[in-house]
Amino acid sequence: MELQNPLTHQIPAACTRLSVGRSTLYELIKSGRIRAIKAGKRTLIPEVELQRFVSEELAEQQKAAA
């Protein structure tokens, strides 16, 4: 059974949620702009991190446009 609103996403699902490629997501993680969780060999991205990232990007773009 698949959860409707998962707390975390594996890399492919996080890429889909952000509409970015795998390498872009890994760059965002490496730069610290998105925080990830390691669970064994899996890298998981919390849903709240994806939402925070999008909100911060929107705020930065609004500042730049003003």
Protein backbone atom coordinates (compact mmCIF):
# COMPACT_ATOMS: atom_id res chain seq x y z
CA MET A 1 0.00 0.00 0.00
CA GLU A 2 1.46 3.35 -1.07
CA LEU A 3 1.11 6.30 1.26
CA GLN A 4 -0.75 9.32 -0.09
CA ASN A 5 1.42 11.83 1.80
CA PRO A 6 4.76 10.23 2.65
CA LEU A 7 7.01 11.95 5.20
CA THR A 8 10.10 11.25 3.09
CA HIS A 9 10.89 10.62 -0.55
CA GLN A 10 13.55 8.54 -2.23
CA ILE A 11 15.70 10.38 -4.77
CA PRO A 12 13.57 9.58 -7.86
CA ALA A 13 10.36 10.70 -6.15
CA ALA A 14 11.99 13.88 -4.80
CA CYS A 15 13.23 14.68 -8.32
CA THR A 16 9.70 14.27 -9.61
CA ARG A 17 8.26 16.45 -6.82
CA LEU A 18 10.73 19.26 -7.65
CA SER A 19 10.78 18.66 -11.42
CA VAL A 20 14.57 18.52 -11.42
CA GLY A 21 17.08 15.95 -12.53
CA ARG A 22 18.98 13.58 -10.29
CA SER A 23 22.29 15.46 -10.56
CA THR A 24 20.59 18.77 -9.76
CA LEU A 25 19.03 17.27 -6.64
CA TYR A 26 22.38 15.86 -5.52
CA GLU A 27 23.97 19.31 -6.07
CA LEU A 28 21.26 20.89 -3.91
CA ILE A 29 21.95 18.31 -1.19
CA LYS A 30 25.72 18.77 -1.43
CA SER A 31 25.41 22.55 -1.20
CA GLY A 32 23.20 22.25 1.88
CA ARG A 33 20.17 23.87 0.26
CA ILE A 34 18.20 20.65 0.78
CA ARG A 35 18.85 18.40 3.76
CA ALA A 36 18.73 14.64 3.34
CA ILE A 37 18.51 11.68 5.69
CA LYS A 38 20.62 8.55 5.27
CA ALA A 39 18.80 5.35 6.21
CA GLY A 40 21.23 2.54 5.53
CA LYS A 41 22.18 2.93 1.87
CA ARG A 42 19.07 4.94 1.07
CA THR A 43 19.02 8.71 0.81
CA LEU A 44 15.67 10.13 1.84
CA ILE A 45 14.43 13.67 1.44
CA PRO A 46 11.85 14.85 3.98
CA GLU A 47 8.70 16.36 2.45
CA VAL A 48 9.11 19.40 4.71
CA GLU A 49 12.56 20.00 3.18
CA LEU A 50 11.10 20.05 -0.32
CA GLN A 51 8.40 22.49 0.77
CA ARG A 52 10.91 24.69 2.62
CA PHE A 53 13.20 24.79 -0.39
CA VAL A 54 10.40 25.85 -2.75
CA SER A 55 9.16 28.51 -0.32
CA GLU A 56 12.66 29.96 0.11
CA GLU A 57 13.26 29.98 -3.64
CA LEU A 58 9.98 31.84 -4.20
CA ALA A 59 10.87 34.39 -1.51
CA GLU A 60 14.33 34.96 -3.05
CA GLN A 61 12.83 35.45 -6.50
CA GLN A 62 10.29 37.93 -5.14
CA LYS A 63 13.09 39.92 -3.45
CA ALA A 64 15.12 39.93 -6.66
CA ALA A 65 12.13 41.15 -8.68
CA ALA A 66 11.40 44.02 -6.25
